[in-house]
Amino acid sequence: ALGVTLSELGDAASAERQFGRARAILTERLGPHHPITLKSVNNLASSYYALSRPADALKLHEEVLLGYKRALGPD
């Protein structure tokens, strides 16, 4: 929630740090393919776009897509 708020306030750098922390914690506790973890990775990717890092963002978005397919199935 803090990362989203910072992002909406235009502080992409701080949002990136929060999303990165959330990803690490959620990956440890829920696993890398859990839908909640994947949502945090998607948020991190969005912060990369805001920081003019489209290649990094694309890489994470692709990771999220594969993770959702594993967790939720192809539909």
Protein backbone atom coordinates (compact mmCIF):
# COMPACT_ATOMS: atom_id res chain seq x y z
CA ALA A 1 0.00 0.00 0.00
CA LEU A 2 2.86 2.37 0.79
CA GLY A 3 4.46 1.76 -2.59
CA VAL A 4 1.19 2.48 -4.39
CA THR A 5 0.73 5.70 -2.40
CA LEU A 6 4.27 6.85 -3.15
CA SER A 7 3.78 6.03 -6.81
CA GLU A 8 0.55 8.01 -6.95
CA LEU A 9 2.35 10.93 -5.31
CA GLY A 10 4.93 10.83 -8.10
CA ASP A 11 7.81 9.46 -6.03
CA ALA A 12 8.73 6.53 -8.28
CA ALA A 13 12.15 6.02 -6.68
CA SER A 14 10.69 5.54 -3.19
CA ALA A 15 7.89 3.42 -4.62
CA GLU A 16 10.47 1.19 -6.31
CA ARG A 17 12.22 0.60 -2.99
CA GLN A 18 8.94 -0.30 -1.28
CA PHE A 19 7.86 -2.63 -4.09
CA GLY A 20 11.27 -4.30 -4.04
CA ARG A 21 10.98 -4.90 -0.29
CA ALA A 22 7.46 -6.23 -0.69
CA ARG A 23 8.61 -8.60 -3.41
CA ALA A 24 11.41 -9.97 -1.25
CA ILE A 25 9.17 -10.51 1.77
CA LEU A 26 6.30 -12.03 -0.21
CA THR A 27 8.61 -14.29 -2.19
CA GLU A 28 10.09 -15.60 1.05
CA ARG A 29 6.74 -16.13 2.76
CA LEU A 30 4.38 -17.05 -0.07
CA GLY A 31 6.69 -18.14 -2.86
CA PRO A 32 7.54 -16.52 -6.20
CA HIS A 33 4.42 -17.74 -8.03
CA HIS A 34 1.77 -16.79 -5.51
CA PRO A 35 -0.74 -14.31 -7.00
CA ILE A 36 -0.06 -11.73 -4.25
CA THR A 37 3.68 -11.95 -4.86
CA LEU A 38 3.09 -11.58 -8.59
CA LYS A 39 1.01 -8.46 -7.99
CA SER A 40 3.90 -6.93 -6.07
CA VAL A 41 6.28 -7.76 -8.93
CA ASN A 42 3.85 -6.13 -11.36
CA ASN A 43 3.86 -3.00 -9.20
CA LEU A 44 7.66 -3.03 -9.19
CA ALA A 45 7.63 -3.27 -12.99
CA SER A 46 5.31 -0.27 -13.19
CA SER A 47 7.71 1.74 -11.05
CA TYR A 48 10.50 0.82 -13.48
CA TYR A 49 8.46 2.36 -16.33
CA ALA A 50 8.04 5.52 -14.27
CA LEU A 51 11.82 5.59 -13.76
CA SER A 52 12.46 5.29 -17.52
CA ARG A 53 13.65 1.68 -17.25
CA PRO A 54 11.42 0.01 -19.85
CA ALA A 55 13.70 -3.00 -20.46
CA ASP A 56 13.66 -3.87 -16.76
CA ALA A 57 9.91 -3.33 -16.63
CA LEU A 58 9.30 -5.57 -19.63
CA LYS A 59 11.41 -8.35 -18.13
CA LEU A 60 9.37 -8.27 -14.92
CA HIS A 61 6.03 -8.08 -16.76
CA GLU A 62 7.00 -11.19 -18.71
CA GLU A 63 7.94 -12.91 -15.44
CA VAL A 64 4.56 -11.95 -13.96
CA LEU A 65 2.69 -13.28 -16.99
CA LEU A 66 4.44 -16.65 -16.77
CA GLY A 67 3.84 -16.77 -13.02
CA TYR A 68 0.13 -16.06 -13.39
CA LYS A 69 -0.16 -18.79 -16.01
CA ARG A 70 1.51 -21.24 -13.63
CA ALA A 71 -0.57 -20.19 -10.64
CA LEU A 72 -3.94 -19.68 -12.32
CA GLY A 73 -3.82 -21.69 -15.52
CA PRO A 74 -3.89 -20.50 -19.12
CA ASP A 75 -7.35 -18.94 -18.93
